[in-house]
Amino acid sequence: MAKILIFYYSKTGNTEMMAKAIAQGARKVQGVEVRLTENVEPHDLAEFDAIIFGIPTYYNDMPPKVKKLFEKIEENKIDLKGKIGAVFGSHGWSGEAPRIAAKIMKENFGMEIAASPLLIEYTPDSKGLERCKDFGRKLAELVARQ
């Protein structure tokens, strides 16, 4: 069974809403196990086939908690090469944190980025949550086929 981790950070609850909807969509796919969490140790990442990061944009950057996680991944030489990755997040203005994260995941960690970052401005409405569910389902289908 393929394993997907959805790790997210959410200060206002918007990215958390997105994470829960993505997990809901991913769980509709048979043959995948989905873990949704706000806390993860870098060494735990290696046990997953796909990692989806939920990263909101604060002050045009990633939150410090996410930066620290990424630094620990590099410091501890956690091997994520070839793993499927994706990023999502809410934002107020520009939404660059998920784009920054996707670049790091691809260039520094060697992950296969499966989709463009899913960005939602402010609080996701019902249409936005449906986009999240679809995002999760499509990623889970990709992982299940591997």
N, C-alpha and C. Protein backbone atom coordinates (compact mmCIF):
# COMPACT_ATOMS: atom_id res chain seq x y z
N MET A 1 0.84 -1.18 0.00
CA MET A 1 0.00 0.00 0.00
C MET A 1 0.89 1.24 0.00
N ALA A 2 0.58 2.18 -0.88
CA ALA A 2 1.33 3.44 -0.98
C ALA A 2 0.99 4.33 0.21
N LYS A 3 2.00 5.06 0.68
CA LYS A 3 1.81 5.92 1.84
C LYS A 3 2.04 7.39 1.47
N ILE A 4 1.07 8.22 1.84
CA ILE A 4 1.15 9.66 1.58
C ILE A 4 1.14 10.40 2.90
N LEU A 5 2.05 11.34 3.04
CA LEU A 5 2.07 12.22 4.20
C LEU A 5 1.62 13.60 3.76
N ILE A 6 0.69 14.16 4.50
CA ILE A 6 0.29 15.55 4.31
C ILE A 6 0.70 16.29 5.58
N PHE A 7 1.76 17.05 5.47
CA PHE A 7 2.25 17.86 6.58
C PHE A 7 1.87 19.30 6.30
N TYR A 8 1.32 19.97 7.31
CA TYR A 8 0.93 21.36 7.09
C TYR A 8 1.23 22.21 8.32
N TYR A 9 1.38 23.49 8.07
CA TYR A 9 1.48 24.50 9.12
C TYR A 9 0.36 25.50 8.85
N SER A 10 -0.37 25.87 9.90
CA SER A 10 -1.46 26.81 9.71
C SER A 10 -1.59 27.69 10.94
N LYS A 11 -1.43 28.97 10.75
CA LYS A 11 -1.58 29.93 11.85
C LYS A 11 -3.03 30.40 11.97
N THR A 12 -3.68 30.63 10.85
CA THR A 12 -5.04 31.16 10.85
C THR A 12 -6.12 30.10 10.68
N GLY A 13 -5.72 28.88 10.31
CA GLY A 13 -6.68 27.80 10.06
C GLY A 13 -7.01 27.61 8.59
N ASN A 14 -6.61 28.53 7.73
CA ASN A 14 -6.93 28.41 6.30
C ASN A 14 -6.19 27.25 5.64
N THR A 15 -4.90 27.15 5.90
CA THR A 15 -4.13 26.05 5.31
C THR A 15 -4.56 24.72 5.93
N GLU A 16 -4.96 24.73 7.19
CA GLU A 16 -5.47 23.51 7.82
C GLU A 16 -6.74 23.04 7.12
N MET A 17 -7.64 23.96 6.80
CA MET A 17 -8.86 23.60 6.06
C MET A 17 -8.50 22.95 4.73
N MET A 18 -7.51 23.53 4.05
CA MET A 18 -7.06 22.98 2.78
C MET A 18 -6.50 21.57 2.98
N ALA A 19 -5.67 21.40 4.01
CA ALA A 19 -5.03 20.10 4.28
C ALA A 19 -6.08 19.01 4.52
N LYS A 20 -7.09 19.34 5.30
CA LYS A 20 -8.13 18.35 5.60
C LYS A 20 -8.92 17.98 4.34
N ALA A 21 -9.17 18.95 3.48
CA ALA A 21 -9.88 18.66 2.23
C ALA A 21 -9.02 17.83 1.29
N ILE A 22 -7.72 18.12 1.22
CA ILE A 22 -6.80 17.34 0.39
C ILE A 22 -6.75 15.90 0.89
N ALA A 23 -6.67 15.73 2.21
CA ALA A 23 -6.66 14.38 2.78
C ALA A 23 -7.95 13.65 2.46
N GLN A 24 -9.06 14.35 2.54
CA GLN A 24 -10.36 13.75 2.23
C GLN A 24 -10.38 13.24 0.78
N GLY A 25 -9.89 14.06 -0.13
CA GLY A 25 -9.83 13.63 -1.53
C GLY A 25 -8.89 12.46 -1.75
N ALA A 26 -7.74 12.49 -1.10
CA ALA A 26 -6.75 11.41 -1.26
C ALA A 26 -7.27 10.09 -0.69
N ARG A 27 -8.02 10.16 0.38
CA ARG A 27 -8.53 8.95 1.02
C ARG A 27 -9.61 8.24 0.20
N LYS A 28 -10.11 8.89 -0.84
CA LYS A 28 -11.10 8.26 -1.72
C LYS A 28 -10.45 7.24 -2.67
N VAL A 29 -9.13 7.28 -2.76
CA VAL A 29 -8.42 6.40 -3.68
C VAL A 29 -8.00 5.13 -2.95
N GLN A 30 -8.37 3.98 -3.52
CA GLN A 30 -7.99 2.70 -2.93
C GLN A 30 -6.50 2.46 -3.12
N GLY A 31 -5.90 1.80 -2.17
CA GLY A 31 -4.50 1.44 -2.28
C GLY A 31 -3.55 2.49 -1.73
N VAL A 32 -4.07 3.50 -1.05
CA VAL A 32 -3.21 4.51 -0.43
C VAL A 32 -3.59 4.70 1.03
N GLU A 33 -2.58 4.93 1.82
CA GLU A 33 -2.75 5.27 3.23
C GLU A 33 -2.35 6.73 3.37
N VAL A 34 -3.17 7.52 4.04
CA VAL A 34 -2.92 8.96 4.16
C VAL A 34 -2.72 9.32 5.63
N ARG A 35 -1.64 10.00 5.90
CA ARG A 35 -1.40 10.53 7.25
C ARG A 35 -1.40 12.05 7.17
N LEU A 36 -2.22 12.68 7.98
CA LEU A 36 -2.35 14.14 8.04
C LEU A 36 -1.79 14.59 9.39
N THR A 37 -0.83 15.53 9.36
CA THR A 37 -0.20 15.94 10.62
C THR A 37 0.33 17.36 10.57
N GLU A 38 0.41 17.97 11.74
CA GLU A 38 1.04 19.29 11.90
C GLU A 38 2.47 19.14 12.42
N ASN A 39 2.83 17.94 12.83
CA ASN A 39 4.15 17.70 13.39
C ASN A 39 4.76 16.45 12.78
N VAL A 40 6.01 16.58 12.36
CA VAL A 40 6.70 15.43 11.79
C VAL A 40 8.19 15.58 12.07
N GLU A 41 8.83 14.47 12.30
CA GLU A 41 10.28 14.45 12.46
C GLU A 41 10.89 14.18 11.09
N PRO A 42 12.00 14.82 10.78
CA PRO A 42 12.60 14.65 9.46
C PRO A 42 12.85 13.19 9.06
N HIS A 43 13.32 12.37 10.01
CA HIS A 43 13.62 10.97 9.67
C HIS A 43 12.36 10.17 9.33
N ASP A 44 11.18 10.63 9.77
CA ASP A 44 9.93 9.93 9.45
C ASP A 44 9.54 10.10 7.98
N LEU A 45 10.03 11.15 7.33
CA LEU A 45 9.65 11.43 5.95
C LEU A 45 10.06 10.32 4.99
N ALA A 46 11.16 9.64 5.30
CA ALA A 46 11.68 8.61 4.40
C ALA A 46 10.73 7.43 4.23
N GLU A 47 9.81 7.23 5.16
CA GLU A 47 8.91 6.07 5.08
C GLU A 47 7.71 6.28 4.14
N PHE A 48 7.56 7.48 3.60
CA PHE A 48 6.42 7.79 2.74
C PHE A 48 6.80 7.79 1.27
N ASP A 49 5.84 7.40 0.43
CA ASP A 49 6.05 7.41 -1.02
C ASP A 49 5.83 8.80 -1.61
N ALA A 50 4.99 9.58 -0.95
CA ALA A 50 4.69 10.94 -1.40
C ALA A 50 4.54 11.83 -0.18
N ILE A 51 5.00 13.07 -0.34
CA ILE A 51 4.90 14.05 0.74
C ILE A 51 4.28 15.32 0.16
N ILE A 52 3.19 15.74 0.79
CA ILE A 52 2.50 16.95 0.38
C ILE A 52 2.65 17.95 1.52
N PHE A 53 3.27 19.08 1.22
CA PHE A 53 3.51 20.10 2.23
C PHE A 53 2.47 21.22 2.11
N GLY A 54 1.84 21.56 3.22
CA GLY A 54 0.93 22.69 3.29
C GLY A 54 1.64 23.87 3.93
N ILE A 55 1.94 24.88 3.13
CA ILE A 55 2.78 25.98 3.58
C ILE A 55 2.14 27.31 3.21
N PRO A 56 1.60 28.01 4.20
CA PRO A 56 1.04 29.34 3.92
C PRO A 56 2.16 30.36 3.73
N THR A 57 1.82 31.45 3.14
CA THR A 57 2.79 32.55 2.96
C THR A 57 2.57 33.58 4.06
N TYR A 58 3.63 33.84 4.81
CA TYR A 58 3.62 34.89 5.83
C TYR A 58 4.76 35.84 5.53
N TYR A 59 4.44 37.11 5.39
CA TYR A 59 5.46 38.12 5.12
C TYR A 59 6.36 37.72 3.94
N ASN A 60 5.73 37.27 2.87
CA ASN A 60 6.40 36.91 1.61
C ASN A 60 7.37 35.75 1.74
N ASP A 61 7.18 34.87 2.70
CA ASP A 61 8.13 33.78 2.91
C ASP A 61 7.43 32.59 3.57
N MET A 62 8.20 31.51 3.76
CA MET A 62 7.72 30.34 4.48
C MET A 62 7.76 30.62 5.98
N PRO A 63 6.86 30.03 6.74
CA PRO A 63 6.90 30.18 8.20
C PRO A 63 8.18 29.56 8.77
N PRO A 64 8.70 30.09 9.88
CA PRO A 64 9.93 29.57 10.48
C PRO A 64 9.88 28.07 10.78
N LYS A 65 8.73 27.54 11.20
CA LYS A 65 8.62 26.11 11.51
C LYS A 65 8.93 25.26 10.28
N VAL A 66 8.48 25.68 9.14
CA VAL A 66 8.71 24.93 7.90
C VAL A 66 10.17 25.08 7.48
N LYS A 67 10.71 26.28 7.60
CA LYS A 67 12.12 26.49 7.26
C LYS A 67 13.01 25.58 8.12
N LYS A 68 12.69 25.48 9.40
CA LYS A 68 13.48 24.63 10.31
C LYS A 68 13.38 23.16 9.89
N LEU A 69 12.19 22.72 9.50
CA LEU A 69 12.03 21.34 9.04
C LEU A 69 12.89 21.10 7.81
N PHE A 70 12.84 22.01 6.84
CA PHE A 70 13.65 21.86 5.64
C PHE A 70 15.14 21.86 5.96
N GLU A 71 15.56 22.71 6.89
CA GLU A 71 16.97 22.73 7.30
C GLU A 71 17.37 21.40 7.94
N LYS A 72 16.49 20.83 8.77
CA LYS A 72 16.79 19.54 9.41
C LYS A 72 16.86 18.42 8.39
N ILE A 73 16.03 18.48 7.37
CA ILE A 73 16.09 17.46 6.31
C ILE A 73 17.47 17.47 5.67
N GLU A 74 17.96 18.67 5.37
CA GLU A 74 19.29 18.79 4.75
C GLU A 74 20.40 18.42 5.72
N GLU A 75 20.33 18.92 6.95
CA GLU A 75 21.37 18.64 7.95
C GLU A 75 21.50 17.15 8.23
N ASN A 76 20.37 16.46 8.30
CA ASN A 76 20.37 15.03 8.61
C ASN A 76 20.47 14.14 7.37
N LYS A 77 20.62 14.79 6.21
CA LYS A 77 20.76 14.07 4.94
C LYS A 77 19.65 13.02 4.74
N ILE A 78 18.42 13.46 4.98
CA ILE A 78 17.26 12.59 4.78
C ILE A 78 17.08 12.41 3.27
N ASP A 79 17.04 11.17 2.82
CA ASP A 79 16.96 10.88 1.39
C ASP A 79 15.51 10.92 0.92
N LEU A 80 15.17 11.97 0.20
CA LEU A 80 13.83 12.12 -0.38
C LEU A 80 13.87 12.03 -1.90
N LYS A 81 15.02 11.71 -2.44
CA LYS A 81 15.21 11.68 -3.89
C LYS A 81 14.23 10.70 -4.54
N GLY A 82 13.54 11.21 -5.57
CA GLY A 82 12.61 10.40 -6.32
C GLY A 82 11.23 10.28 -5.71
N LYS A 83 11.05 10.75 -4.49
CA LYS A 83 9.71 10.70 -3.88
C LYS A 83 8.81 11.74 -4.56
N ILE A 84 7.53 11.43 -4.62
CA ILE A 84 6.57 12.36 -5.20
C ILE A 84 6.31 13.46 -4.18
N GLY A 85 6.28 14.69 -4.66
CA GLY A 85 6.03 15.83 -3.79
C GLY A 85 5.03 16.79 -4.39
N ALA A 86 4.37 17.53 -3.53
CA ALA A 86 3.44 18.57 -3.94
C ALA A 86 3.33 19.57 -2.80
N VAL A 87 2.85 20.75 -3.12
CA VAL A 87 2.75 21.82 -2.14
C VAL A 87 1.43 22.57 -2.33
N PHE A 88 0.88 23.05 -1.22
CA PHE A 88 -0.31 23.88 -1.24
C PHE A 88 -0.21 24.90 -0.13
N GLY A 89 -1.05 25.92 -0.20
CA GLY A 89 -1.07 26.89 0.89
C GLY A 89 -1.98 28.07 0.62
N SER A 90 -2.39 28.69 1.70
CA SER A 90 -3.19 29.90 1.60
C SER A 90 -2.26 31.11 1.68
N HIS A 91 -2.77 32.24 1.22
CA HIS A 91 -1.95 33.44 1.22
C HIS A 91 -2.86 34.66 1.19
N GLY A 92 -2.27 35.80 1.54
CA GLY A 92 -3.03 37.04 1.49
C GLY A 92 -2.67 37.87 0.29
N TRP A 93 -1.41 37.88 -0.07
CA TRP A 93 -0.98 38.73 -1.18
C TRP A 93 -0.40 37.91 -2.31
N SER A 94 0.85 37.57 -2.19
CA SER A 94 1.56 37.01 -3.35
C SER A 94 1.64 35.49 -3.39
N GLY A 95 1.64 34.81 -2.28
CA GLY A 95 1.63 33.35 -2.26
C GLY A 95 2.91 32.68 -2.69
N GLU A 96 4.06 33.28 -2.41
CA GLU A 96 5.29 32.67 -2.90
C GLU A 96 5.83 31.51 -2.07
N ALA A 97 5.40 31.32 -0.83
CA ALA A 97 5.95 30.25 0.01
C ALA A 97 5.81 28.87 -0.63
N PRO A 98 4.65 28.47 -1.15
CA PRO A 98 4.58 27.16 -1.79
C PRO A 98 5.50 27.04 -3.01
N ARG A 99 5.68 28.12 -3.74
CA ARG A 99 6.58 28.08 -4.90
C ARG A 99 8.04 27.91 -4.45
N ILE A 100 8.41 28.62 -3.39
CA ILE A 100 9.76 28.48 -2.83
C ILE A 100 9.98 27.04 -2.37
N ALA A 101 9.00 26.50 -1.66
CA ALA A 101 9.11 25.13 -1.16
C ALA A 101 9.23 24.12 -2.29
N ALA A 102 8.43 24.28 -3.34
CA ALA A 102 8.50 23.34 -4.47
C ALA A 102 9.88 23.36 -5.11
N LYS A 103 10.47 24.53 -5.22
CA LYS A 103 11.81 24.65 -5.79
C LYS A 103 12.84 23.94 -4.91
N ILE A 104 12.75 24.12 -3.60
CA ILE A 104 13.66 23.45 -2.68
C ILE A 104 13.47 21.94 -2.76
N MET A 105 12.22 21.50 -2.77
CA MET A 105 11.93 20.06 -2.84
C MET A 105 12.53 19.44 -4.09
N LYS A 106 12.44 20.13 -5.20
CA LYS A 106 12.97 19.60 -6.46
C LYS A 106 14.49 19.71 -6.53
N GLU A 107 15.01 20.90 -6.29
CA GLU A 107 16.44 21.14 -6.49
C GLU A 107 17.32 20.64 -5.35
N ASN A 108 16.88 20.78 -4.12
CA ASN A 108 17.71 20.38 -2.98
C ASN A 108 17.46 18.94 -2.55
N PHE A 109 16.19 18.52 -2.56
CA PHE A 109 15.85 17.19 -2.07
C PHE A 109 15.73 16.15 -3.17
N GLY A 110 15.66 16.57 -4.43
CA GLY A 110 15.56 15.63 -5.55
C GLY A 110 14.20 14.98 -5.69
N MET A 111 13.17 15.63 -5.18
CA MET A 111 11.82 15.07 -5.26
C MET A 111 11.21 15.34 -6.64
N GLU A 112 10.27 14.50 -7.01
CA GLU A 112 9.51 14.66 -8.26
C GLU A 112 8.26 15.47 -7.94
N ILE A 113 8.21 16.71 -8.37
CA ILE A 113 7.06 17.56 -8.09
C ILE A 113 5.94 17.19 -9.06
N ALA A 114 4.84 16.68 -8.50
CA ALA A 114 3.77 16.10 -9.31
C ALA A 114 2.76 17.10 -9.83
N ALA A 115 2.72 18.28 -9.23
CA ALA A 115 1.71 19.27 -9.63
C ALA A 115 2.19 20.66 -9.27
N SER A 116 1.67 21.63 -9.97
CA SER A 116 1.95 23.02 -9.60
C SER A 116 1.36 23.27 -8.22
N PRO A 117 1.98 24.16 -7.43
CA PRO A 117 1.43 24.45 -6.11
C PRO A 117 -0.02 24.90 -6.18
N LEU A 118 -0.82 24.40 -5.26
CA LEU A 118 -2.22 24.80 -5.15
C LEU A 118 -2.29 25.98 -4.19
N LEU A 119 -2.70 27.13 -4.70
CA LEU A 119 -2.77 28.35 -3.91
C LEU A 119 -4.20 28.83 -3.79
N ILE A 120 -4.58 29.21 -2.58
CA ILE A 120 -5.90 29.79 -2.35
C ILE A 120 -5.71 31.06 -1.54
N GLU A 121 -6.32 32.12 -2.03
CA GLU A 121 -6.21 33.40 -1.35
C GLU A 121 -7.16 33.43 -0.15
N TYR A 122 -6.58 33.72 1.01
CA TYR A 122 -7.32 33.82 2.28
C TYR A 122 -8.03 32.51 2.61
N THR A 123 -9.28 32.58 3.03
CA THR A 123 -10.02 31.40 3.47
C THR A 123 -10.64 30.69 2.28
N PRO A 124 -10.41 29.38 2.18
CA PRO A 124 -11.00 28.65 1.04
C PRO A 124 -12.52 28.59 1.16
N ASP A 125 -13.19 28.91 0.05
CA ASP A 125 -14.65 28.77 0.01
C ASP A 125 -14.97 27.35 -0.46
N SER A 126 -16.24 27.06 -0.67
CA SER A 126 -16.63 25.70 -1.06
C SER A 126 -15.99 25.28 -2.38
N LYS A 127 -15.87 26.21 -3.32
CA LYS A 127 -15.22 25.91 -4.60
C LYS A 127 -13.73 25.62 -4.38
N GLY A 128 -13.10 26.38 -3.51
CA GLY A 128 -11.69 26.16 -3.19
C GLY A 128 -11.47 24.82 -2.51
N LEU A 129 -12.37 24.45 -1.61
CA LEU A 129 -12.25 23.16 -0.93
C LEU A 129 -12.44 22.01 -1.91
N GLU A 130 -13.30 22.18 -2.90
CA GLU A 130 -13.46 21.16 -3.94
C GLU A 130 -12.17 21.02 -4.76
N ARG A 131 -11.52 22.16 -5.03
CA ARG A 131 -10.22 22.11 -5.72
C ARG A 131 -9.21 21.33 -4.89
N CYS A 132 -9.25 21.51 -3.58
CA CYS A 132 -8.35 20.79 -2.68
C CYS A 132 -8.62 19.29 -2.72
N LYS A 133 -9.87 18.91 -2.65
CA LYS A 133 -10.22 17.48 -2.70
C LYS A 133 -9.76 16.86 -4.01
N ASP A 134 -9.94 17.58 -5.10
CA ASP A 134 -9.52 17.10 -6.42
C ASP A 134 -8.00 16.97 -6.47
N PHE A 135 -7.29 17.94 -5.92
CA PHE A 135 -5.83 17.93 -5.84
C PHE A 135 -5.36 16.68 -5.10
N GLY A 136 -5.97 16.41 -3.95
CA GLY A 136 -5.61 15.23 -3.17
C GLY A 136 -5.90 13.93 -3.89
N ARG A 137 -7.06 13.86 -4.53
CA ARG A 137 -7.44 12.65 -5.25
C ARG A 137 -6.48 12.37 -6.40
N LYS A 138 -6.16 13.41 -7.18
CA LYS A 138 -5.26 13.22 -8.32
C LYS A 138 -3.87 12.78 -7.88
N LEU A 139 -3.37 13.37 -6.81
CA LEU A 139 -2.05 12.97 -6.31
C LEU A 139 -2.08 11.54 -5.80
N ALA A 140 -3.15 11.16 -5.10
CA ALA A 140 -3.27 9.80 -4.59
C ALA A 140 -3.37 8.79 -5.74
N GLU A 141 -4.07 9.15 -6.79
CA GLU A 141 -4.15 8.25 -7.96
C GLU A 141 -2.78 8.05 -8.57
N LEU A 142 -2.01 9.11 -8.65
CA LEU A 142 -0.65 9.03 -9.19
C LEU A 142 0.21 8.11 -8.33
N VAL A 143 0.14 8.27 -7.03
CA VAL A 143 0.94 7.47 -6.11
C VAL A 143 0.50 6.01 -6.16
N ALA A 144 -0.80 5.76 -6.24
CA ALA A 144 -1.32 4.39 -6.28
C ALA A 144 -0.86 3.63 -7.52
N ARG A 145 -0.65 4.34 -8.62
CA ARG A 145 -0.22 3.71 -9.87
C ARG A 145 1.25 3.30 -9.84
N GLN A 146 2.02 3.85 -8.94
CA GLN A 146 3.46 3.60 -8.94
C GLN A 146 3.82 2.30 -8.29
